[in-house]
């Protein structure tokens, strides 16, 4: 994967404009929630065969980049 922008899409018609994986109805938030609940990469890929390991990596990269860009008001 070169950059998460190749896999993460934002479309107002999909999931209310939330960042999603390749235009699917699976959002970055969904992926983060699965990891947070203890699912492994293999668990997620088994449950959602339409996803790839690169999709999951893109979701994590997107979230990390977003976190890095948050401005803290003082």
PDB file of N, CA and C in Angstrom:
ATOM      1  N   UNK A   1       0.850  -1.172   0.000  1.00  0.00           N
ATOM      2  CA  UNK A   1       0.000   0.000   0.000  1.00  0.00           C
ATOM      3  C   UNK A   1       0.895   1.235   0.000  1.00  0.00           C
ATOM      4  N   UNK A   2       0.650   2.100  -0.944  1.00  0.00           N
ATOM      5  CA  UNK A   2       1.434   3.322  -1.029  1.00  0.00           C
ATOM      6  C   UNK A   2       0.933   4.365  -0.046  1.00  0.00           C
ATOM      7  N   UNK A   3      -0.353   4.607  -0.024  1.00  0.00           N
ATOM      8  CA  UNK A   3      -0.931   5.614   0.870  1.00  0.00           C
ATOM      9  C   UNK A   3      -2.384   5.243   1.131  1.00  0.00           C
ATOM     10  N   UNK A   4      -2.833   5.525   2.328  1.00  0.00           N
ATOM     11  CA  UNK A   4      -4.209   5.136   2.675  1.00  0.00           C
ATOM     12  C   UNK A   4      -5.252   5.768   1.770  1.00  0.00           C
ATOM     13  N   UNK A   5      -4.923   6.888   1.138  1.00  0.00           N
ATOM     14  CA  UNK A   5      -5.902   7.561   0.273  1.00  0.00           C
ATOM     15  C   UNK A   5      -6.289   6.704  -0.929  1.00  0.00           C
ATOM     16  N   UNK A   6      -5.516   5.670  -1.202  1.00  0.00           N
ATOM     17  CA  UNK A   6      -5.865   4.747  -2.280  1.00  0.00           C
ATOM     18  C   UNK A   6      -6.999   3.808  -1.875  1.00  0.00           C
ATOM     19  N   UNK A   7      -7.267   3.698  -0.570  1.00  0.00           N
ATOM     20  CA  UNK A   7      -8.278   2.755  -0.083  1.00  0.00           C
ATOM     21  C   UNK A   7      -9.379   3.390   0.747  1.00  0.00           C
ATOM     22  N   UNK A   8      -9.102   4.514   1.364  1.00  0.00           N
ATOM     23  CA  UNK A   8     -10.097   5.169   2.214  1.00  0.00           C
ATOM     24  C   UNK A   8     -10.847   6.200   1.380  1.00  0.00           C
ATOM     25  N   UNK A   9     -12.159   6.077   1.352  1.00  0.00           N
ATOM     26  CA  UNK A   9     -12.981   6.995   0.564  1.00  0.00           C
ATOM     27  C   UNK A   9     -13.991   7.690   1.469  1.00  0.00           C
ATOM     28  N   UNK A  10     -14.360   8.877   1.069  1.00  0.00           N
ATOM     29  CA  UNK A  10     -15.388   9.630   1.788  1.00  0.00           C
ATOM     30  C   UNK A  10     -16.432  10.054   0.769  1.00  0.00           C
ATOM     31  N   UNK A  11     -17.659   9.561   0.980  1.00  0.00           N
ATOM     32  CA  UNK A  11     -18.757   9.827   0.066  1.00  0.00           C
ATOM     33  C   UNK A  11     -20.000  10.114   0.914  1.00  0.00           C
ATOM     34  N   UNK A  12     -20.608  11.237   0.676  1.00  0.00           N
ATOM     35  CA  UNK A  12     -21.791  11.625   1.459  1.00  0.00           C
ATOM     36  C   UNK A  12     -22.911  10.598   1.361  1.00  0.00           C
ATOM     37  N   UNK A  13     -22.923   9.791   0.318  1.00  0.00           N
ATOM     38  CA  UNK A  13     -23.981   8.800   0.115  1.00  0.00           C
ATOM     39  C   UNK A  13     -23.682   7.467   0.810  1.00  0.00           C
ATOM     40  N   UNK A  14     -22.488   7.325   1.373  1.00  0.00           N
ATOM     41  CA  UNK A  14     -22.100   6.079   2.032  1.00  0.00           C
ATOM     42  C   UNK A  14     -21.774   6.356   3.486  1.00  0.00           C
ATOM     43  N   UNK A  15     -22.504   5.710   4.378  1.00  0.00           N
ATOM     44  CA  UNK A  15     -22.283   5.841   5.820  1.00  0.00           C
ATOM     45  C   UNK A  15     -22.256   7.290   6.269  1.00  0.00           C
ATOM     46  N   UNK A  16     -23.139   8.102   5.699  1.00  0.00           N
ATOM     47  CA  UNK A  16     -23.285   9.515   6.086  1.00  0.00           C
ATOM     48  C   UNK A  16     -21.990  10.303   5.953  1.00  0.00           C
ATOM     49  N   UNK A  17     -21.171   9.922   4.992  1.00  0.00           N
ATOM     50  CA  UNK A  17     -19.931  10.652   4.744  1.00  0.00           C
ATOM     51  C   UNK A  17     -18.765  10.253   5.621  1.00  0.00           C
ATOM     52  N   UNK A  18     -18.924   9.212   6.384  1.00  0.00           N
ATOM     53  CA  UNK A  18     -17.806   8.735   7.209  1.00  0.00           C
ATOM     54  C   UNK A  18     -16.764   8.069   6.323  1.00  0.00           C
ATOM     55  N   UNK A  19     -15.504   8.163   6.699  1.00  0.00           N
ATOM     56  CA  UNK A  19     -14.456   7.495   5.921  1.00  0.00           C
ATOM     57  C   UNK A  19     -14.720   5.990   5.869  1.00  0.00           C
ATOM     58  N   UNK A  20     -14.694   5.433   4.660  1.00  0.00           N
ATOM     59  CA  UNK A  20     -15.008   4.025   4.446  1.00  0.00           C
ATOM     60  C   UNK A  20     -13.907   3.339   3.669  1.00  0.00           C
ATOM     61  N   UNK A  21     -13.955   2.028   3.691  1.00  0.00           N
ATOM     62  CA  UNK A  21     -12.985   1.224   2.963  1.00  0.00           C
ATOM     63  C   UNK A  21     -13.467   1.031   1.528  1.00  0.00           C
ATOM     64  N   UNK A  22     -12.721   1.531   0.578  1.00  0.00           N
ATOM     65  CA  UNK A  22     -12.970   1.363  -0.862  1.00  0.00           C
ATOM     66  C   UNK A  22     -14.434   1.549  -1.262  1.00  0.00           C
ATOM     67  N   UNK A  23     -15.113   2.500  -0.649  1.00  0.00           N
ATOM     68  CA  UNK A  23     -16.491   2.785  -1.021  1.00  0.00           C
ATOM     69  C   UNK A  23     -17.512   1.792  -0.492  1.00  0.00           C
ATOM     70  N   UNK A  24     -17.058   0.830   0.294  1.00  0.00           N
ATOM     71  CA  UNK A  24     -17.968  -0.151   0.874  1.00  0.00           C
ATOM     72  C   UNK A  24     -18.686   0.466   2.068  1.00  0.00           C
ATOM     73  N   UNK A  25     -19.601  -0.267   2.618  1.00  0.00           N
ATOM     74  CA  UNK A  25     -20.323   0.209   3.790  1.00  0.00           C
ATOM     75  C   UNK A  25     -19.585  -0.129   5.082  1.00  0.00           C
ATOM     76  N   UNK A  26     -18.329  -0.453   4.975  1.00  0.00           N
ATOM     77  CA  UNK A  26     -17.486  -0.718   6.142  1.00  0.00           C
ATOM     78  C   UNK A  26     -16.641   0.525   6.380  1.00  0.00           C
ATOM     79  N   UNK A  27     -16.841   1.145   7.547  1.00  0.00           N
ATOM     80  CA  UNK A  27     -16.144   2.398   7.830  1.00  0.00           C
ATOM     81  C   UNK A  27     -14.843   2.159   8.596  1.00  0.00           C
ATOM     82  N   UNK A  28     -14.011   3.180   8.596  1.00  0.00           N
ATOM     83  CA  UNK A  28     -12.785   3.154   9.392  1.00  0.00           C
ATOM     84  C   UNK A  28     -13.166   2.941  10.863  1.00  0.00           C
ATOM     85  N   UNK A  29     -14.233   3.593  11.295  1.00  0.00           N
ATOM     86  CA  UNK A  29     -14.707   3.446  12.669  1.00  0.00           C
ATOM     87  C   UNK A  29     -15.017   1.977  12.985  1.00  0.00           C
ATOM     88  N   UNK A  30     -15.654   1.281  12.051  1.00  0.00           N
ATOM     89  CA  UNK A  30     -15.963  -0.141  12.256  1.00  0.00           C
ATOM     90  C   UNK A  30     -14.683  -0.930  12.500  1.00  0.00           C
ATOM     91  N   UNK A  31     -13.699  -0.706  11.646  1.00  0.00           N
ATOM     92  CA  UNK A  31     -12.432  -1.436  11.744  1.00  0.00           C
ATOM     93  C   UNK A  31     -11.750  -1.140  13.082  1.00  0.00           C
ATOM     94  N   UNK A  32     -11.705   0.115  13.463  1.00  0.00           N
ATOM     95  CA  UNK A  32     -11.085   0.474  14.745  1.00  0.00           C
ATOM     96  C   UNK A  32     -11.826  -0.183  15.906  1.00  0.00           C
ATOM     97  N   UNK A  33     -13.140  -0.206  15.824  1.00  0.00           N
ATOM     98  CA  UNK A  33     -13.934  -0.846  16.873  1.00  0.00           C
ATOM     99  C   UNK A  33     -13.662  -2.331  16.983  1.00  0.00           C
ATOM    100  N   UNK A  34     -13.496  -2.988  15.852  1.00  0.00           N
ATOM    101  CA  UNK A  34     -13.202  -4.427  15.884  1.00  0.00           C
ATOM    102  C   UNK A  34     -11.856  -4.685  16.532  1.00  0.00           C
ATOM    103  N   UNK A  35     -10.855  -3.902  16.157  1.00  0.00           N
ATOM    104  CA  UNK A  35      -9.548  -4.066  16.789  1.00  0.00           C
ATOM    105  C   UNK A  35      -9.631  -3.765  18.285  1.00  0.00           C
ATOM    106  N   UNK A  36     -10.333  -2.710  18.648  1.00  0.00           N
ATOM    107  CA  UNK A  36     -10.462  -2.325  20.055  1.00  0.00           C
ATOM    108  C   UNK A  36     -11.170  -3.397  20.884  1.00  0.00           C
ATOM    109  N   UNK A  37     -12.066  -4.140  20.249  1.00  0.00           N
ATOM    110  CA  UNK A  37     -12.794  -5.189  20.976  1.00  0.00           C
ATOM    111  C   UNK A  37     -11.981  -6.467  21.113  1.00  0.00           C
ATOM    112  N   UNK A  38     -10.781  -6.478  20.531  1.00  0.00           N
ATOM    113  CA  UNK A  38      -9.915  -7.642  20.684  1.00  0.00           C
ATOM    114  C   UNK A  38      -9.813  -8.538  19.465  1.00  0.00           C
ATOM    115  N   UNK A  39     -10.516  -8.195  18.396  1.00  0.00           N
ATOM    116  CA  UNK A  39     -10.418  -9.014  17.187  1.00  0.00           C
ATOM    117  C   UNK A  39      -9.020  -8.864  16.587  1.00  0.00           C
ATOM    118  N   UNK A  40      -8.519  -9.929  16.039  1.00  0.00           N
ATOM    119  CA  UNK A  40      -7.230  -9.895  15.343  1.00  0.00           C
ATOM    120  C   UNK A  40      -7.476  -9.626  13.863  1.00  0.00           C
ATOM    121  N   UNK A  41      -6.399  -9.355  13.167  1.00  0.00           N
ATOM    122  CA  UNK A  41      -6.508  -9.164  11.721  1.00  0.00           C
ATOM    123  C   UNK A  41      -7.143 -10.387  11.081  1.00  0.00           C
ATOM    124  N   UNK A  42      -6.716 -11.570  11.481  1.00  0.00           N
ATOM    125  CA  UNK A  42      -7.271 -12.792  10.909  1.00  0.00           C
ATOM    126  C   UNK A  42      -8.750 -12.953  11.237  1.00  0.00           C
ATOM    127  N   UNK A  43      -9.155 -12.591  12.446  1.00  0.00           N
ATOM    128  CA  UNK A  43     -10.579 -12.644  12.815  1.00  0.00           C
ATOM    129  C   UNK A  43     -11.404 -11.773  11.873  1.00  0.00           C
ATOM    130  N   UNK A  44     -10.935 -10.552  11.666  1.00  0.00           N
ATOM    131  CA  UNK A  44     -11.671  -9.604  10.823  1.00  0.00           C
ATOM    132  C   UNK A  44     -11.727 -10.094   9.382  1.00  0.00           C
ATOM    133  N   UNK A  45     -10.595 -10.562   8.874  1.00  0.00           N
ATOM    134  CA  UNK A  45     -10.567 -11.044   7.488  1.00  0.00           C
ATOM    135  C   UNK A  45     -11.434 -12.279   7.300  1.00  0.00           C
ATOM    136  N   UNK A  46     -11.539 -13.104   8.319  1.00  0.00           N
ATOM    137  CA  UNK A  46     -12.412 -14.289   8.241  1.00  0.00           C
ATOM    138  C   UNK A  46     -13.883 -13.882   8.240  1.00  0.00           C
ATOM    139  N   UNK A  47     -14.226 -12.911   9.078  1.00  0.00           N
ATOM    140  CA  UNK A  47     -15.617 -12.463   9.176  1.00  0.00           C
ATOM    141  C   UNK A  47     -16.036 -11.590   7.995  1.00  0.00           C
ATOM    142  N   UNK A  48     -15.095 -10.903   7.394  1.00  0.00           N
ATOM    143  CA  UNK A  48     -15.376  -9.974   6.291  1.00  0.00           C
ATOM    144  C   UNK A  48     -14.425 -10.256   5.127  1.00  0.00           C
ATOM    145  N   UNK A  49     -14.689 -11.308   4.357  1.00  0.00           N
ATOM    146  CA  UNK A  49     -13.763 -11.711   3.286  1.00  0.00           C
ATOM    147  C   UNK A  49     -13.598 -10.672   2.181  1.00  0.00           C
ATOM    148  N   UNK A  50     -14.479  -9.671   2.136  1.00  0.00           N
ATOM    149  CA  UNK A  50     -14.338  -8.615   1.137  1.00  0.00           C
ATOM    150  C   UNK A  50     -13.213  -7.645   1.487  1.00  0.00           C
ATOM    151  N   UNK A  51     -12.725  -7.722   2.723  1.00  0.00           N
ATOM    152  CA  UNK A  51     -11.613  -6.877   3.147  1.00  0.00           C
ATOM    153  C   UNK A  51     -10.284  -7.580   2.928  1.00  0.00           C
ATOM    154  N   UNK A  52      -9.227  -6.781   2.831  1.00  0.00           N
ATOM    155  CA  UNK A  52      -7.869  -7.311   2.726  1.00  0.00           C
ATOM    156  C   UNK A  52      -7.043  -6.775   3.885  1.00  0.00           C
ATOM    157  N   UNK A  53      -5.895  -7.374   4.103  1.00  0.00           N
ATOM    158  CA  UNK A  53      -4.987  -6.884   5.137  1.00  0.00           C
ATOM    159  C   UNK A  53      -4.579  -5.443   4.844  1.00  0.00           C
ATOM    160  N   UNK A  54      -4.447  -5.109   3.575  1.00  0.00           N
ATOM    161  CA  UNK A  54      -4.084  -3.740   3.187  1.00  0.00           C
ATOM    162  C   UNK A  54      -5.198  -2.757   3.543  1.00  0.00           C
ATOM    163  N   UNK A  55      -6.450  -3.194   3.433  1.00  0.00           N
ATOM    164  CA  UNK A  55      -7.578  -2.345   3.838  1.00  0.00           C
ATOM    165  C   UNK A  55      -7.491  -2.022   5.323  1.00  0.00           C
ATOM    166  N   UNK A  56      -7.193  -3.024   6.134  1.00  0.00           N
ATOM    167  CA  UNK A  56      -7.110  -2.818   7.574  1.00  0.00           C
ATOM    168  C   UNK A  56      -5.942  -1.899   7.921  1.00  0.00           C
ATOM    169  N   UNK A  57      -4.823  -2.090   7.240  1.00  0.00           N
ATOM    170  CA  UNK A  57      -3.662  -1.227   7.458  1.00  0.00           C
ATOM    171  C   UNK A  57      -3.984   0.210   7.060  1.00  0.00           C
ATOM    172  N   UNK A  58      -4.718   0.377   5.976  1.00  0.00           N
ATOM    173  CA  UNK A  58      -5.106   1.716   5.527  1.00  0.00           C
ATOM    174  C   UNK A  58      -5.991   2.396   6.571  1.00  0.00           C
ATOM    175  N   UNK A  59      -6.908   1.642   7.168  1.00  0.00           N
ATOM    176  CA  UNK A  59      -7.785   2.212   8.199  1.00  0.00           C
ATOM    177  C   UNK A  59      -6.969   2.679   9.395  1.00  0.00           C
ATOM    178  N   UNK A  60      -6.001   1.883   9.813  1.00  0.00           N
ATOM    179  CA  UNK A  60      -5.145   2.270  10.930  1.00  0.00           C
ATOM    180  C   UNK A  60      -4.286   3.482  10.579  1.00  0.00           C
ATOM    181  N   UNK A  61      -3.759   3.507   9.380  1.00  0.00           N
ATOM    182  CA  UNK A  61      -2.934   4.642   8.932  1.00  0.00           C
ATOM    183  C   UNK A  61      -3.757   5.919   8.872  1.00  0.00           C
ATOM    184  N   UNK A  62      -4.975   5.803   8.369  1.00  0.00           N
ATOM    185  CA  UNK A  62      -5.866   6.968   8.302  1.00  0.00           C
ATOM    186  C   UNK A  62      -6.138   7.503   9.708  1.00  0.00           C
ATOM    187  N   UNK A  63      -6.473   6.601  10.637  1.00  0.00           N
ATOM    188  CA  UNK A  63      -6.781   7.013  12.003  1.00  0.00           C
ATOM    189  C   UNK A  63      -5.565   7.655  12.670  1.00  0.00           C
ATOM    190  N   UNK A  64      -4.390   7.101  12.454  1.00  0.00           N
ATOM    191  CA  UNK A  64      -3.176   7.674  13.037  1.00  0.00           C
ATOM    192  C   UNK A  64      -2.910   9.063  12.475  1.00  0.00           C
ATOM    193  N   UNK A  65      -3.102   9.216  11.176  1.00  0.00           N
ATOM    194  CA  UNK A  65      -2.890  10.517  10.547  1.00  0.00           C
ATOM    195  C   UNK A  65      -3.892  11.538  11.070  1.00  0.00           C
ATOM    196  N   UNK A  66      -5.120  11.124  11.208  1.00  0.00           N
ATOM    197  CA  UNK A  66      -6.161  12.020  11.742  1.00  0.00           C
ATOM    198  C   UNK A  66      -5.834  12.459  13.168  1.00  0.00           C
ATOM    199  N   UNK A  67      -5.397  11.519  13.974  1.00  0.00           N
ATOM    200  CA  UNK A  67      -5.038  11.822  15.358  1.00  0.00           C
ATOM    201  C   UNK A  67      -3.873  12.817  15.403  1.00  0.00           C
ATOM    202  N   UNK A  68      -2.928  12.635  14.525  1.00  0.00           N
ATOM    203  CA  UNK A  68      -1.747  13.509  14.472  1.00  0.00           C
ATOM    204  C   UNK A  68      -2.140  14.939  14.103  1.00  0.00           C
ATOM    205  N   UNK A  69      -3.178  15.086  13.299  1.00  0.00           N
ATOM    206  CA  UNK A  69      -3.575  16.399  12.791  1.00  0.00           C
ATOM    207  C   UNK A  69      -4.539  17.147  13.698  1.00  0.00           C
ATOM    208  N   UNK A  70      -5.000  16.521  14.773  1.00  0.00           N
ATOM    209  CA  UNK A  70      -5.944  17.180  15.677  1.00  0.00           C
ATOM    210  C   UNK A  70      -5.250  18.344  16.372  1.00  0.00           C
ATOM    211  N   UNK A  71      -5.876  19.489  16.340  1.00  0.00           N
ATOM    212  CA  UNK A  71      -5.350  20.655  17.033  1.00  0.00           C
ATOM    213  C   UNK A  71      -5.982  20.749  18.423  1.00  0.00           C
ATOM    214  N   UNK A  72      -5.184  21.033  19.389  1.00  0.00           N
ATOM    215  CA  UNK A  72      -5.695  21.155  20.748  1.00  0.00           C
ATOM    216  C   UNK A  72      -5.849  22.634  21.068  1.00  0.00           C
ATOM    217  N   UNK A  73      -7.064  23.014  21.383  1.00  0.00           N
ATOM    218  CA  UNK A  73      -7.327  24.414  21.735  1.00  0.00           C
ATOM    219  C   UNK A  73      -6.847  24.681  23.151  1.00  0.00           C
ATOM    220  N   UNK A  74      -6.241  25.814  23.332  1.00  0.00           N
ATOM    221  CA  UNK A  74      -5.765  26.137  24.693  1.00  0.00           C
ATOM    222  C   UNK A  74      -6.609  27.218  25.323  1.00  0.00           C
TER     223      UNK A  74
END
